[in-house]
Amino acid sequence: MTAVEQLQKIIDEHDNIVFFGGAGVSTESGIPDFRSVDGLYNQKYDYPPETILSHTFFMRKPEEFYRFYREKMLITDAEPNAAHKKLAELEAAGKLKAVVTQNIDGLHQKAGSKAVYELHGSVLRNYCMRCGKFYSAEDLMKNSGVPHCSCGGTIKPDVVLYEEGLDSGTIRSSIQAISEAQVLIVGGTSLAVYPAAGLIDYFQGDKVVLINKGATSRDAHADLVIKEPIGQVLGQIQVR
């Protein structure tokens, strides 16, 4: 039995599946990840990306932050790939109960997923730091420099920057979904980013499936490990 056939069998036999995903889920949609050879961490800027994407840097050098953010993070024209679409299908069929994602691109929702917990926020949401008024990604694309609200306040993306804590409500919902799941499918993540990666420790169910091109620290503990692109793998799954 091939690895994909084993995955199909697991999906067929369970109806409380949770998906936990990272940057590798969106690379097949043309969105670069952070840690791969051609990811953002290996490109050259005046400052390292992790410095630019920190709360301190945002507050001190908002112009520099927004220059990088608009060029590298604010991607609004990407389309869902086979992985996003299949997860949405599995949810519609009552198989998948939640998607817990480290991604900020909104592609799961664009594909039709409803129960999506965004651990690191979303580029599609932006708020005035003074009055809380909402601004869309399109609003930020319309201008250059530091975007300001009609009240004069600085607009900040609803994205969790380095030095910032994760949203407690999102964490609670994610933990509940993972702890109640029968099957946890982990895909497109090296499980190197904490505290997000630590959430999979709450899983108490039957099967853990890891789908990632590279090795992860949890491979030895998984019931099934598939080292292939996740869109390629999930694209072969039948929803029935």
C-alpha atoms as a PDB file:
ATOM      1  CA  MET A   1       0.000   0.000   0.000  1.00  0.00           C
ATOM      2  CA  THR A   2       1.450   3.383  -0.995  1.00  0.00           C
ATOM      3  CA  ALA A   3       1.704   6.247   1.479  1.00  0.00           C
ATOM      4  CA  VAL A   4      -1.160   8.076  -0.270  1.00  0.00           C
ATOM      5  CA  GLU A   5      -3.309   4.931  -0.086  1.00  0.00           C
ATOM      6  CA  GLN A   6      -2.557   4.692   3.633  1.00  0.00           C
ATOM      7  CA  LEU A   7      -3.595   8.338   4.043  1.00  0.00           C
ATOM      8  CA  GLN A   8      -6.793   7.677   2.075  1.00  0.00           C
ATOM      9  CA  LYS A   9      -7.622   4.779   4.393  1.00  0.00           C
ATOM     10  CA  ILE A  10      -7.080   6.928   7.489  1.00  0.00           C
ATOM     11  CA  ILE A  11      -9.320   9.678   6.079  1.00  0.00           C
ATOM     12  CA  ASP A  12     -12.009   7.171   5.055  1.00  0.00           C
ATOM     13  CA  GLU A  13     -12.122   5.649   8.536  1.00  0.00           C
ATOM     14  CA  HIS A  14     -12.352   8.877  10.558  1.00  0.00           C
ATOM     15  CA  ASP A  15     -14.663  11.878  10.622  1.00  0.00           C
ATOM     16  CA  ASN A  16     -12.983  14.138  13.174  1.00  0.00           C
ATOM     17  CA  ILE A  17      -9.823  15.279  11.424  1.00  0.00           C
ATOM     18  CA  VAL A  18      -7.878  18.464  12.169  1.00  0.00           C
ATOM     19  CA  PHE A  19      -5.252  19.920   9.854  1.00  0.00           C
ATOM     20  CA  PHE A  20      -2.267  21.847  11.233  1.00  0.00           C
ATOM     21  CA  GLY A  21      -0.337  23.659   8.514  1.00  0.00           C
ATOM     22  CA  GLY A  22       2.562  25.973   7.807  1.00  0.00           C
ATOM     23  CA  ALA A  23       4.227  27.883   4.981  1.00  0.00           C
ATOM     24  CA  GLY A  24       4.699  24.778   2.810  1.00  0.00           C
ATOM     25  CA  VAL A  25       0.933  24.685   2.231  1.00  0.00           C
ATOM     26  CA  SER A  26       1.111  27.975   0.318  1.00  0.00           C
ATOM     27  CA  THR A  27       4.413  27.627  -1.539  1.00  0.00           C
ATOM     28  CA  GLU A  28       2.575  25.762  -4.321  1.00  0.00           C
ATOM     29  CA  SER A  29       0.462  28.923  -4.690  1.00  0.00           C
ATOM     30  CA  GLY A  30       3.628  30.946  -5.298  1.00  0.00           C
ATOM     31  CA  ILE A  31       3.980  32.383  -1.794  1.00  0.00           C
ATOM     32  CA  PRO A  32       7.583  32.031  -0.542  1.00  0.00           C
ATOM     33  CA  ASP A  33       8.210  30.416   2.817  1.00  0.00           C
ATOM     34  CA  PHE A  34      10.695  31.716   5.343  1.00  0.00           C
ATOM     35  CA  ARG A  35      13.161  28.936   5.947  1.00  0.00           C
ATOM     36  CA  SER A  36      13.697  27.122   2.668  1.00  0.00           C
ATOM     37  CA  VAL A  37      16.731  27.746   0.453  1.00  0.00           C
ATOM     38  CA  ASP A  38      14.858  30.376  -1.567  1.00  0.00           C
ATOM     39  CA  GLY A  39      12.736  31.579   1.327  1.00  0.00           C
ATOM     40  CA  LEU A  40      12.710  35.089   2.765  1.00  0.00           C
ATOM     41  CA  TYR A  41      15.378  34.328   5.362  1.00  0.00           C
ATOM     42  CA  ASN A  42      17.919  33.711   2.613  1.00  0.00           C
ATOM     43  CA  GLN A  43      17.330  36.904   0.668  1.00  0.00           C
ATOM     44  CA  LYS A  44      19.320  40.068   1.256  1.00  0.00           C
ATOM     45  CA  TYR A  45      17.936  43.210   2.892  1.00  0.00           C
ATOM     46  CA  ASP A  46      19.403  46.030   4.977  1.00  0.00           C
ATOM     47  CA  TYR A  47      18.074  44.182   8.008  1.00  0.00           C
ATOM     48  CA  PRO A  48      17.303  40.479   8.530  1.00  0.00           C
ATOM     49  CA  PRO A  49      13.602  39.694   7.878  1.00  0.00           C
ATOM     50  CA  GLU A  50      13.071  38.580  11.483  1.00  0.00           C
ATOM     51  CA  THR A  51      14.307  42.023  12.629  1.00  0.00           C
ATOM     52  CA  ILE A  52      12.052  43.873  10.181  1.00  0.00           C
ATOM     53  CA  LEU A  53       9.066  41.740  11.212  1.00  0.00           C
ATOM     54  CA  SER A  54       9.428  42.547  14.909  1.00  0.00           C
ATOM     55  CA  HIS A  55       7.191  44.767  17.008  1.00  0.00           C
ATOM     56  CA  THR A  56      10.155  46.962  18.000  1.00  0.00           C
ATOM     57  CA  PHE A  57      11.159  47.555  14.374  1.00  0.00           C
ATOM     58  CA  PHE A  58       7.567  48.309  13.362  1.00  0.00           C
ATOM     59  CA  MET A  59       7.327  50.963  16.070  1.00  0.00           C
ATOM     60  CA  ARG A  60      10.775  52.471  15.404  1.00  0.00           C
ATOM     61  CA  LYS A  61      11.056  52.282  11.615  1.00  0.00           C
ATOM     62  CA  PRO A  62       7.531  51.955  10.205  1.00  0.00           C
ATOM     63  CA  GLU A  63       8.638  53.208   6.755  1.00  0.00           C
ATOM     64  CA  GLU A  64      11.221  50.421   6.432  1.00  0.00           C
ATOM     65  CA  PHE A  65       8.731  47.892   7.804  1.00  0.00           C
ATOM     66  CA  TYR A  66       6.066  48.803   5.270  1.00  0.00           C
ATOM     67  CA  ARG A  67       8.520  48.813   2.367  1.00  0.00           C
ATOM     68  CA  PHE A  68       9.409  45.177   3.131  1.00  0.00           C
ATOM     69  CA  TYR A  69       5.851  44.238   4.083  1.00  0.00           C
ATOM     70  CA  ARG A  70       4.277  45.500   0.859  1.00  0.00           C
ATOM     71  CA  GLU A  71       6.967  43.902  -1.295  1.00  0.00           C
ATOM     72  CA  LYS A  72       7.237  40.510   0.397  1.00  0.00           C
ATOM     73  CA  MET A  73       4.269  39.836   2.686  1.00  0.00           C
ATOM     74  CA  LEU A  74       1.235  41.605   1.251  1.00  0.00           C
ATOM     75  CA  ILE A  75       0.352  39.059  -1.417  1.00  0.00           C
ATOM     76  CA  THR A  76      -3.298  39.356  -2.445  1.00  0.00           C
ATOM     77  CA  ASP A  77      -3.394  37.789  -5.920  1.00  0.00           C
ATOM     78  CA  ALA A  78      -2.365  34.225  -5.001  1.00  0.00           C
ATOM     79  CA  GLU A  79      -4.898  31.459  -5.613  1.00  0.00           C
ATOM     80  CA  PRO A  80      -5.606  28.358  -3.476  1.00  0.00           C
ATOM     81  CA  ASN A  81      -3.803  25.215  -4.586  1.00  0.00           C
ATOM     82  CA  ALA A  82      -4.856  21.556  -4.474  1.00  0.00           C
ATOM     83  CA  ALA A  83      -4.123  21.331  -0.729  1.00  0.00           C
ATOM     84  CA  HIS A  84      -6.351  24.282   0.207  1.00  0.00           C
ATOM     85  CA  LYS A  85      -9.141  23.032  -2.056  1.00  0.00           C
ATOM     86  CA  LYS A  86      -9.052  19.459  -0.773  1.00  0.00           C
ATOM     87  CA  LEU A  87      -9.152  20.590   2.865  1.00  0.00           C
ATOM     88  CA  ALA A  88     -12.205  22.721   2.073  1.00  0.00           C
ATOM     89  CA  GLU A  89     -13.829  19.693   0.401  1.00  0.00           C
ATOM     90  CA  LEU A  90     -13.087  17.510   3.427  1.00  0.00           C
ATOM     91  CA  GLU A  91     -14.667  20.108   5.706  1.00  0.00           C
ATOM     92  CA  ALA A  92     -17.764  20.366   3.502  1.00  0.00           C
ATOM     93  CA  ALA A  93     -18.072  16.558   3.629  1.00  0.00           C
ATOM     94  CA  GLY A  94     -18.027  16.648   7.449  1.00  0.00           C
ATOM     95  CA  LYS A  95     -14.626  14.945   7.708  1.00  0.00           C
ATOM     96  CA  LEU A  96     -12.418  17.879   8.644  1.00  0.00           C
ATOM     97  CA  LYS A  97     -13.393  19.858  11.736  1.00  0.00           C
ATOM     98  CA  ALA A  98     -10.783  22.637  11.661  1.00  0.00           C
ATOM     99  CA  VAL A  99      -7.718  24.070   9.966  1.00  0.00           C
ATOM    100  CA  VAL A 100      -5.099  25.484  12.321  1.00  0.00           C
ATOM    101  CA  THR A 101      -2.674  27.521  10.229  1.00  0.00           C
ATOM    102  CA  GLN A 102       0.511  29.495  10.752  1.00  0.00           C
ATOM    103  CA  ASN A 103      -0.070  31.232   7.402  1.00  0.00           C
ATOM    104  CA  ILE A 104      -1.295  34.796   7.028  1.00  0.00           C
ATOM    105  CA  ASP A 105      -2.462  34.688   3.393  1.00  0.00           C
ATOM    106  CA  GLY A 106      -6.172  33.853   3.784  1.00  0.00           C
ATOM    107  CA  LEU A 107      -5.983  31.124   1.121  1.00  0.00           C
ATOM    108  CA  HIS A 108      -7.830  28.522   3.217  1.00  0.00           C
ATOM    109  CA  GLN A 109     -10.864  30.810   3.406  1.00  0.00           C
ATOM    110  CA  LYS A 110     -10.498  31.700  -0.287  1.00  0.00           C
ATOM    111  CA  ALA A 111     -10.742  27.963  -1.045  1.00  0.00           C
ATOM    112  CA  GLY A 112     -13.939  27.703   1.002  1.00  0.00           C
ATOM    113  CA  SER A 113     -12.785  26.541   4.442  1.00  0.00           C
ATOM    114  CA  LYS A 114     -14.938  27.925   7.269  1.00  0.00           C
ATOM    115  CA  ALA A 115     -13.343  26.742  10.532  1.00  0.00           C
ATOM    116  CA  VAL A 116      -9.886  28.310  10.162  1.00  0.00           C
ATOM    117  CA  TYR A 117      -7.791  29.351  13.143  1.00  0.00           C
ATOM    118  CA  GLU A 118      -5.062  31.765  12.056  1.00  0.00           C
ATOM    119  CA  LEU A 119      -2.334  31.578  14.699  1.00  0.00           C
ATOM    120  CA  HIS A 120      -0.289  34.394  13.184  1.00  0.00           C
ATOM    121  CA  GLY A 121      -3.117  36.617  11.953  1.00  0.00           C
ATOM    122  CA  SER A 122      -3.857  37.695   8.380  1.00  0.00           C
ATOM    123  CA  VAL A 123      -2.583  40.243   5.867  1.00  0.00           C
ATOM    124  CA  LEU A 124      -6.217  40.735   4.834  1.00  0.00           C
ATOM    125  CA  ARG A 125      -7.027  42.530   8.101  1.00  0.00           C
ATOM    126  CA  ASN A 126      -5.512  45.842   9.204  1.00  0.00           C
ATOM    127  CA  TYR A 127      -6.497  48.133  12.048  1.00  0.00           C
ATOM    128  CA  CYS A 128      -5.846  51.678  13.202  1.00  0.00           C
ATOM    129  CA  MET A 129      -3.773  51.542  16.384  1.00  0.00           C
ATOM    130  CA  ARG A 130      -5.607  54.590  17.732  1.00  0.00           C
ATOM    131  CA  CYS A 131      -9.323  54.084  16.967  1.00  0.00           C
ATOM    132  CA  GLY A 132      -9.464  50.441  15.789  1.00  0.00           C
ATOM    133  CA  LYS A 133     -11.005  51.192  12.382  1.00  0.00           C
ATOM    134  CA  PHE A 134     -10.664  48.295   9.904  1.00  0.00           C
ATOM    135  CA  TYR A 135      -8.743  48.551   6.644  1.00  0.00           C
ATOM    136  CA  SER A 136      -8.463  45.915   3.903  1.00  0.00           C
ATOM    137  CA  ALA A 137      -5.290  44.709   2.202  1.00  0.00           C
ATOM    138  CA  GLU A 138      -6.418  46.638  -0.886  1.00  0.00           C
ATOM    139  CA  ASP A 139      -6.520  49.832   1.175  1.00  0.00           C
ATOM    140  CA  LEU A 140      -2.853  49.316   2.066  1.00  0.00           C
ATOM    141  CA  MET A 141      -1.913  48.581  -1.546  1.00  0.00           C
ATOM    142  CA  LYS A 142      -3.390  51.878  -2.744  1.00  0.00           C
ATOM    143  CA  ASN A 143      -0.759  54.037  -1.071  1.00  0.00           C
ATOM    144  CA  SER A 144       2.934  53.965  -0.274  1.00  0.00           C
ATOM    145  CA  GLY A 145       4.765  54.855   2.907  1.00  0.00           C
ATOM    146  CA  VAL A 146       3.211  54.397   6.332  1.00  0.00           C
ATOM    147  CA  PRO A 147      -0.598  54.106   6.051  1.00  0.00           C
ATOM    148  CA  HIS A 148      -2.615  56.336   8.340  1.00  0.00           C
ATOM    149  CA  CYS A 149      -6.235  56.238   9.403  1.00  0.00           C
ATOM    150  CA  SER A 150      -8.710  59.063   8.850  1.00  0.00           C
ATOM    151  CA  CYS A 151      -8.240  59.802  12.575  1.00  0.00           C
ATOM    152  CA  GLY A 152      -4.485  60.203  12.065  1.00  0.00           C
ATOM    153  CA  GLY A 153      -3.478  56.961  13.772  1.00  0.00           C
ATOM    154  CA  THR A 154      -1.009  54.487  12.268  1.00  0.00           C
ATOM    155  CA  ILE A 155      -2.531  51.409  10.626  1.00  0.00           C
ATOM    156  CA  LYS A 156      -1.036  48.064  11.666  1.00  0.00           C
ATOM    157  CA  PRO A 157      -1.513  44.706   9.925  1.00  0.00           C
ATOM    158  CA  ASP A 158      -3.370  42.124  12.014  1.00  0.00           C
ATOM    159  CA  VAL A 159      -0.282  39.928  11.815  1.00  0.00           C
ATOM    160  CA  VAL A 160       1.579  38.576  14.846  1.00  0.00           C
ATOM    161  CA  LEU A 161       5.046  40.107  14.718  1.00  0.00           C
ATOM    162  CA  TYR A 162       8.097  38.810  16.545  1.00  0.00           C
ATOM    163  CA  GLU A 163       7.923  39.848  20.245  1.00  0.00           C
ATOM    164  CA  GLU A 164       4.118  39.777  20.123  1.00  0.00           C
ATOM    165  CA  GLY A 165       1.938  37.115  21.746  1.00  0.00           C
ATOM    166  CA  LEU A 166      -0.552  34.943  19.899  1.00  0.00           C
ATOM    167  CA  ASP A 167      -4.254  35.734  20.253  1.00  0.00           C
ATOM    168  CA  SER A 168      -5.563  33.873  23.297  1.00  0.00           C
ATOM    169  CA  GLY A 169      -8.961  33.111  21.744  1.00  0.00           C
ATOM    170  CA  THR A 170      -7.355  31.613  18.641  1.00  0.00           C
ATOM    171  CA  ILE A 171      -5.038  29.533  20.839  1.00  0.00           C
ATOM    172  CA  ARG A 172      -7.979  28.244  22.912  1.00  0.00           C
ATOM    173  CA  SER A 173      -9.994  27.265  19.833  1.00  0.00           C
ATOM    174  CA  SER A 174      -6.971  25.567  18.254  1.00  0.00           C
ATOM    175  CA  ILE A 175      -6.183  23.575  21.392  1.00  0.00           C
ATOM    176  CA  GLN A 176      -9.800  22.461  21.708  1.00  0.00           C
ATOM    177  CA  ALA A 177      -9.957  21.307  18.078  1.00  0.00           C
ATOM    178  CA  ILE A 178      -6.628  19.462  18.271  1.00  0.00           C
ATOM    179  CA  SER A 179      -7.343  17.832  21.632  1.00  0.00           C
ATOM    180  CA  GLU A 180     -10.730  16.510  20.447  1.00  0.00           C
ATOM    181  CA  ALA A 181      -9.520  15.239  17.039  1.00  0.00           C
ATOM    182  CA  GLN A 182      -9.211  11.568  16.090  1.00  0.00           C
ATOM    183  CA  VAL A 183      -6.663  12.335  13.362  1.00  0.00           C
ATOM    184  CA  LEU A 184      -4.143  15.167  13.151  1.00  0.00           C
ATOM    185  CA  ILE A 185      -2.672  15.861   9.722  1.00  0.00           C
ATOM    186  CA  VAL A 186       0.380  18.124   9.969  1.00  0.00           C
ATOM    187  CA  GLY A 187       1.473  19.574   6.649  1.00  0.00           C
ATOM    188  CA  GLY A 188       3.884  22.048   5.116  1.00  0.00           C
ATOM    189  CA  THR A 189       5.674  22.900   8.337  1.00  0.00           C
ATOM    190  CA  SER A 190       9.079  22.079   9.780  1.00  0.00           C
ATOM    191  CA  LEU A 191       7.530  22.437  13.269  1.00  0.00           C
ATOM    192  CA  ALA A 192      10.310  24.866  14.176  1.00  0.00           C
ATOM    193  CA  VAL A 193       8.197  27.900  15.102  1.00  0.00           C
ATOM    194  CA  TYR A 194       7.033  28.075  18.702  1.00  0.00           C
ATOM    195  CA  PRO A 195       4.669  28.497  20.436  1.00  0.00           C
ATOM    196  CA  ALA A 196       2.594  27.431  17.406  1.00  0.00           C
ATOM    197  CA  ALA A 197       4.356  24.072  16.890  1.00  0.00           C
ATOM    198  CA  GLY A 198       3.812  23.148  20.531  1.00  0.00           C
ATOM    199  CA  LEU A 199       0.048  23.002  19.976  1.00  0.00           C
ATOM    200  CA  ILE A 200       0.288  19.547  18.422  1.00  0.00           C
ATOM    201  CA  ASP A 201       1.272  18.226  21.872  1.00  0.00           C
ATOM    202  CA  TYR A 202      -2.407  18.577  22.817  1.00  0.00           C
ATOM    203  CA  PHE A 203      -3.376  15.823  20.373  1.00  0.00           C
ATOM    204  CA  GLN A 204      -4.679  12.683  22.111  1.00  0.00           C
ATOM    205  CA  GLY A 205      -6.324  10.869  19.195  1.00  0.00           C
ATOM    206  CA  ASP A 206      -5.573   7.847  17.014  1.00  0.00           C
ATOM    207  CA  LYS A 207      -3.325   8.912  14.125  1.00  0.00           C
ATOM    208  CA  VAL A 208      -0.751  11.595  13.388  1.00  0.00           C
ATOM    209  CA  VAL A 209       0.130  12.115   9.708  1.00  0.00           C
ATOM    210  CA  LEU A 210       3.106  14.309   8.705  1.00  0.00           C
ATOM    211  CA  ILE A 211       3.284  15.640   5.135  1.00  0.00           C
ATOM    212  CA  ASN A 212       6.347  17.796   4.529  1.00  0.00           C
ATOM    213  CA  LYS A 213       9.094  17.893   1.911  1.00  0.00           C
ATOM    214  CA  GLY A 214      11.802  17.968   4.592  1.00  0.00           C
ATOM    215  CA  ALA A 215      12.286  16.065   7.837  1.00  0.00           C
ATOM    216  CA  THR A 216      10.693  17.370  11.036  1.00  0.00           C
ATOM    217  CA  SER A 217      11.469  16.845  14.700  1.00  0.00           C
ATOM    218  CA  ARG A 218       8.283  14.780  15.023  1.00  0.00           C
ATOM    219  CA  ASP A 219       8.790  12.267  12.207  1.00  0.00           C
ATOM    220  CA  ALA A 220       9.661   9.457  14.617  1.00  0.00           C
ATOM    221  CA  HIS A 221       6.394   9.937  16.519  1.00  0.00           C
ATOM    222  CA  ALA A 222       4.070   9.995  13.511  1.00  0.00           C
ATOM    223  CA  ASP A 223       1.948   7.080  12.283  1.00  0.00           C
ATOM    224  CA  LEU A 224       2.522   8.090   8.666  1.00  0.00           C
ATOM    225  CA  VAL A 225       5.220  10.343   7.172  1.00  0.00           C
ATOM    226  CA  ILE A 226       5.009  11.531   3.550  1.00  0.00           C
ATOM    227  CA  LYS A 227       7.934  13.619   2.256  1.00  0.00           C
ATOM    228  CA  GLU A 228       6.305  15.159  -0.795  1.00  0.00           C
ATOM    229  CA  PRO A 229       4.670  18.514  -1.623  1.00  0.00           C
ATOM    230  CA  ILE A 230       1.372  18.659   0.211  1.00  0.00           C
ATOM    231  CA  GLY A 231      -0.723  19.818  -2.751  1.00  0.00           C
ATOM    232  CA  GLN A 232       0.559  16.885  -4.750  1.00  0.00           C
ATOM    233  CA  VAL A 233      -0.402  14.491  -1.915  1.00  0.00           C
ATOM    234  CA  LEU A 234      -3.825  15.871  -0.991  1.00  0.00           C
ATOM    235  CA  GLY A 235      -4.711  16.317  -4.639  1.00  0.00           C
ATOM    236  CA  GLN A 236      -4.818  12.520  -4.947  1.00  0.00           C
ATOM    237  CA  ILE A 237      -7.244  12.059  -2.031  1.00  0.00           C
ATOM    238  CA  GLN A 238     -10.862  11.139  -2.796  1.00  0.00           C
ATOM    239  CA  VAL A 239     -13.553  12.736  -0.663  1.00  0.00           C
ATOM    240  CA  ARG A 240     -16.271  10.198  -0.021  1.00  0.00           C
END
